[in-house]
Amino acid sequence: MTTQLASYIGDWSALNDAERAAALWLAQVDAFTAALAAMPNARALNAELLFNDPVPVLNAAAAHLGVPLDSKAVEAVVAGPLFSTYS
């Protein structure tokens, strides 16, 4: 991935895999921070809150975006394999 992004992030070929992963993570954080600074009306989802108490966070995000969600459906997703396996 870092080879494909080299024109944007520079040449990281001298770094080992762990160093590339860390540098890529930092580049993503920097890009996200810059995007939020450039768009003062943008909002970010707090991942710690999402993982600690996902149902109200998902409901609040949906309400903010104007997306109708069924509370039972949200609870089913949170109780299912998507949240228990990948979060």
N, C-alpha and C. Protein backbone atom coordinates (compact mmCIF):
# COMPACT_ATOMS: atom_id res chain seq x y z
N MET A 1 0.82 -1.18 0.00
CA MET A 1 0.00 0.00 0.00
C MET A 1 0.87 1.26 0.00
N THR A 2 1.93 1.24 0.80
CA THR A 2 2.77 2.45 0.87
C THR A 2 3.49 2.69 -0.46
N THR A 3 3.76 1.64 -1.20
CA THR A 3 4.37 1.81 -2.52
C THR A 3 3.40 2.51 -3.45
N GLN A 4 2.12 2.12 -3.38
CA GLN A 4 1.10 2.74 -4.22
C GLN A 4 0.84 4.19 -3.84
N LEU A 5 1.06 4.53 -2.59
CA LEU A 5 0.82 5.89 -2.12
C LEU A 5 2.08 6.75 -2.09
N ALA A 6 3.19 6.23 -2.60
CA ALA A 6 4.46 6.93 -2.50
C ALA A 6 4.43 8.34 -3.05
N SER A 7 3.66 8.57 -4.10
CA SER A 7 3.61 9.93 -4.66
C SER A 7 2.93 10.91 -3.69
N TYR A 8 2.18 10.40 -2.74
CA TYR A 8 1.51 11.26 -1.76
C TYR A 8 2.26 11.34 -0.44
N ILE A 9 2.87 10.23 -0.03
CA ILE A 9 3.45 10.15 1.31
C ILE A 9 4.97 10.06 1.32
N GLY A 10 5.57 9.89 0.17
CA GLY A 10 7.02 9.75 0.10
C GLY A 10 7.45 8.29 0.01
N ASP A 11 8.73 8.10 -0.15
CA ASP A 11 9.29 6.75 -0.31
C ASP A 11 9.61 6.16 1.06
N TRP A 12 8.90 5.13 1.43
CA TRP A 12 9.11 4.47 2.71
C TRP A 12 9.73 3.08 2.53
N SER A 13 10.36 2.84 1.39
CA SER A 13 10.88 1.50 1.09
C SER A 13 11.96 1.05 2.07
N ALA A 14 12.62 1.98 2.73
CA ALA A 14 13.67 1.61 3.69
C ALA A 14 13.09 1.16 5.03
N LEU A 15 11.81 1.38 5.24
CA LEU A 15 11.18 1.01 6.51
C LEU A 15 10.76 -0.45 6.51
N ASN A 16 10.78 -1.08 7.68
CA ASN A 16 10.25 -2.45 7.78
C ASN A 16 8.72 -2.38 7.85
N ASP A 17 8.07 -3.53 7.84
CA ASP A 17 6.60 -3.57 7.80
C ASP A 17 5.96 -2.85 8.98
N ALA A 18 6.48 -3.06 10.17
CA ALA A 18 5.91 -2.42 11.36
C ALA A 18 6.06 -0.90 11.28
N GLU A 19 7.22 -0.45 10.83
CA GLU A 19 7.45 0.99 10.69
C GLU A 19 6.55 1.59 9.62
N ARG A 20 6.34 0.86 8.53
CA ARG A 20 5.43 1.33 7.48
C ARG A 20 4.01 1.44 8.01
N ALA A 21 3.58 0.44 8.77
CA ALA A 21 2.23 0.46 9.33
C ALA A 21 2.05 1.66 10.25
N ALA A 22 3.03 1.90 11.09
CA ALA A 22 2.96 3.04 12.02
C ALA A 22 2.97 4.36 11.25
N ALA A 23 3.82 4.47 10.25
CA ALA A 23 3.89 5.70 9.46
C ALA A 23 2.61 5.93 8.67
N LEU A 24 2.04 4.86 8.14
CA LEU A 24 0.78 4.98 7.41
C LEU A 24 -0.34 5.41 8.34
N TRP A 25 -0.39 4.83 9.54
CA TRP A 25 -1.39 5.23 10.52
C TRP A 25 -1.26 6.72 10.84
N LEU A 26 -0.03 7.18 11.06
CA LEU A 26 0.19 8.59 11.39
C LEU A 26 -0.19 9.49 10.21
N ALA A 27 0.11 9.07 9.00
CA ALA A 27 -0.28 9.85 7.82
C ALA A 27 -1.80 9.96 7.73
N GLN A 28 -2.50 8.88 8.04
CA GLN A 28 -3.97 8.91 8.01
C GLN A 28 -4.52 9.85 9.09
N VAL A 29 -3.93 9.80 10.28
CA VAL A 29 -4.36 10.69 11.36
C VAL A 29 -4.12 12.14 10.96
N ASP A 30 -2.95 12.43 10.38
CA ASP A 30 -2.64 13.79 9.94
C ASP A 30 -3.61 14.27 8.86
N ALA A 31 -3.93 13.39 7.91
CA ALA A 31 -4.87 13.75 6.84
C ALA A 31 -6.26 14.00 7.41
N PHE A 32 -6.68 13.18 8.36
CA PHE A 32 -7.99 13.34 8.98
C PHE A 32 -8.04 14.64 9.77
N THR A 33 -7.00 14.93 10.52
CA THR A 33 -6.93 16.17 11.30
C THR A 33 -6.99 17.39 10.38
N ALA A 34 -6.27 17.33 9.27
CA ALA A 34 -6.29 18.44 8.32
C ALA A 34 -7.66 18.60 7.69
N ALA A 35 -8.32 17.50 7.40
CA ALA A 35 -9.67 17.57 6.81
C ALA A 35 -10.65 18.21 7.79
N LEU A 36 -10.58 17.83 9.06
CA LEU A 36 -11.46 18.44 10.07
C LEU A 36 -11.17 19.93 10.22
N ALA A 37 -9.91 20.32 10.16
CA ALA A 37 -9.56 21.73 10.28
C ALA A 37 -10.07 22.52 9.08
N ALA A 38 -10.06 21.90 7.90
CA ALA A 38 -10.50 22.58 6.68
C ALA A 38 -12.01 22.66 6.57
N MET A 39 -12.71 21.81 7.31
CA MET A 39 -14.17 21.77 7.25
C MET A 39 -14.73 21.95 8.66
N PRO A 40 -14.90 23.19 9.11
CA PRO A 40 -15.31 23.42 10.50
C PRO A 40 -16.68 22.85 10.86
N ASN A 41 -17.52 22.56 9.90
CA ASN A 41 -18.83 21.98 10.21
C ASN A 41 -18.80 20.45 10.19
N ALA A 42 -17.66 19.87 9.91
CA ALA A 42 -17.54 18.41 9.89
C ALA A 42 -17.61 17.87 11.31
N ARG A 43 -17.99 16.65 11.43
CA ARG A 43 -18.06 15.98 12.72
C ARG A 43 -17.27 14.68 12.66
N ALA A 44 -16.72 14.29 13.79
CA ALA A 44 -15.97 13.03 13.89
C ALA A 44 -16.65 12.14 14.91
N LEU A 45 -16.61 10.86 14.65
CA LEU A 45 -17.18 9.89 15.57
C LEU A 45 -16.09 9.43 16.53
N ASN A 46 -16.36 9.49 17.81
CA ASN A 46 -15.41 9.08 18.83
C ASN A 46 -15.44 7.55 18.93
N ALA A 47 -14.38 6.91 18.46
CA ALA A 47 -14.34 5.44 18.43
C ALA A 47 -14.41 4.83 19.82
N GLU A 48 -13.81 5.48 20.80
CA GLU A 48 -13.86 4.95 22.17
C GLU A 48 -15.30 4.88 22.67
N LEU A 49 -16.06 5.96 22.41
CA LEU A 49 -17.47 5.94 22.81
C LEU A 49 -18.24 4.89 22.01
N LEU A 50 -17.95 4.79 20.72
CA LEU A 50 -18.64 3.82 19.88
C LEU A 50 -18.44 2.40 20.39
N PHE A 51 -17.21 2.04 20.71
CA PHE A 51 -16.93 0.67 21.14
C PHE A 51 -17.42 0.40 22.57
N ASN A 52 -17.41 1.43 23.42
CA ASN A 52 -17.85 1.25 24.80
C ASN A 52 -19.37 1.17 24.94
N ASP A 53 -20.09 1.91 24.11
CA ASP A 53 -21.56 1.96 24.22
C ASP A 53 -22.15 2.24 22.83
N PRO A 54 -22.11 1.26 21.93
CA PRO A 54 -22.42 1.51 20.53
C PRO A 54 -23.85 1.89 20.20
N VAL A 55 -24.83 1.37 20.93
CA VAL A 55 -26.22 1.63 20.54
C VAL A 55 -26.56 3.11 20.56
N PRO A 56 -26.33 3.83 21.66
CA PRO A 56 -26.67 5.25 21.63
C PRO A 56 -25.82 6.06 20.66
N VAL A 57 -24.57 5.65 20.47
CA VAL A 57 -23.70 6.37 19.53
C VAL A 57 -24.22 6.20 18.10
N LEU A 58 -24.57 4.97 17.73
CA LEU A 58 -25.12 4.74 16.39
C LEU A 58 -26.45 5.45 16.20
N ASN A 59 -27.29 5.44 17.21
CA ASN A 59 -28.56 6.15 17.12
C ASN A 59 -28.35 7.65 16.97
N ALA A 60 -27.41 8.21 17.71
CA ALA A 60 -27.11 9.65 17.62
C ALA A 60 -26.54 10.01 16.25
N ALA A 61 -25.65 9.16 15.74
CA ALA A 61 -25.07 9.42 14.42
C ALA A 61 -26.15 9.37 13.34
N ALA A 62 -27.02 8.41 13.42
CA ALA A 62 -28.10 8.30 12.44
C ALA A 62 -29.02 9.50 12.52
N ALA A 63 -29.35 9.93 13.74
CA ALA A 63 -30.22 11.11 13.91
C ALA A 63 -29.54 12.35 13.33
N HIS A 64 -28.24 12.50 13.59
CA HIS A 64 -27.50 13.65 13.07
C HIS A 64 -27.50 13.68 11.55
N LEU A 65 -27.40 12.51 10.94
CA LEU A 65 -27.36 12.41 9.48
C LEU A 65 -28.75 12.33 8.86
N GLY A 66 -29.77 12.25 9.69
CA GLY A 66 -31.14 12.16 9.18
C GLY A 66 -31.46 10.81 8.58
N VAL A 67 -30.81 9.77 9.09
CA VAL A 67 -31.03 8.41 8.60
C VAL A 67 -31.95 7.69 9.58
N PRO A 68 -33.12 7.27 9.12
CA PRO A 68 -34.01 6.56 10.04
C PRO A 68 -33.46 5.17 10.36
N LEU A 69 -33.41 4.85 11.63
CA LEU A 69 -32.94 3.53 12.07
C LEU A 69 -33.93 2.95 13.06
N ASP A 70 -34.16 1.68 12.94
CA ASP A 70 -34.98 0.95 13.89
C ASP A 70 -34.09 0.55 15.06
N SER A 71 -34.48 0.91 16.26
CA SER A 71 -33.67 0.61 17.44
C SER A 71 -33.37 -0.88 17.58
N LYS A 72 -34.34 -1.72 17.26
CA LYS A 72 -34.13 -3.18 17.35
C LYS A 72 -33.07 -3.63 16.34
N ALA A 73 -33.07 -3.01 15.17
CA ALA A 73 -32.07 -3.37 14.15
C ALA A 73 -30.67 -2.98 14.61
N VAL A 74 -30.55 -1.81 15.23
CA VAL A 74 -29.26 -1.36 15.75
C VAL A 74 -28.79 -2.33 16.84
N GLU A 75 -29.66 -2.69 17.72
CA GLU A 75 -29.29 -3.63 18.80
C GLU A 75 -28.88 -4.98 18.23
N ALA A 76 -29.54 -5.43 17.16
CA ALA A 76 -29.19 -6.71 16.54
C ALA A 76 -27.81 -6.64 15.90
N VAL A 77 -27.50 -5.54 15.25
CA VAL A 77 -26.18 -5.38 14.63
C VAL A 77 -25.09 -5.37 15.70
N VAL A 78 -25.33 -4.62 16.76
CA VAL A 78 -24.35 -4.53 17.84
C VAL A 78 -24.14 -5.89 18.52
N ALA A 79 -25.20 -6.68 18.63
CA ALA A 79 -25.09 -8.00 19.27
C ALA A 79 -24.53 -9.06 18.32
N GLY A 80 -24.46 -8.74 17.04
CA GLY A 80 -24.04 -9.72 16.04
C GLY A 80 -22.54 -9.81 15.83
N PRO A 81 -22.13 -10.60 14.86
CA PRO A 81 -20.71 -10.88 14.63
C PRO A 81 -19.90 -9.66 14.15
N LEU A 82 -20.54 -8.70 13.51
CA LEU A 82 -19.80 -7.54 13.03
C LEU A 82 -19.11 -6.81 14.19
N PHE A 83 -19.84 -6.58 15.25
CA PHE A 83 -19.26 -5.87 16.40
C PHE A 83 -18.44 -6.79 17.28
N SER A 84 -18.83 -8.03 17.42
CA SER A 84 -18.08 -8.92 18.31
C SER A 84 -16.80 -9.46 17.68
N THR A 85 -16.73 -9.44 16.36
CA THR A 85 -15.55 -9.98 15.68
C THR A 85 -14.56 -8.92 15.25
N TYR A 86 -15.04 -7.79 14.75
CA TYR A 86 -14.16 -6.81 14.12
C TYR A 86 -13.96 -5.53 14.91
N SER A 87 -14.45 -5.45 16.11
CA SER A 87 -14.28 -4.20 16.86
C SER A 87 -13.57 -4.43 18.16
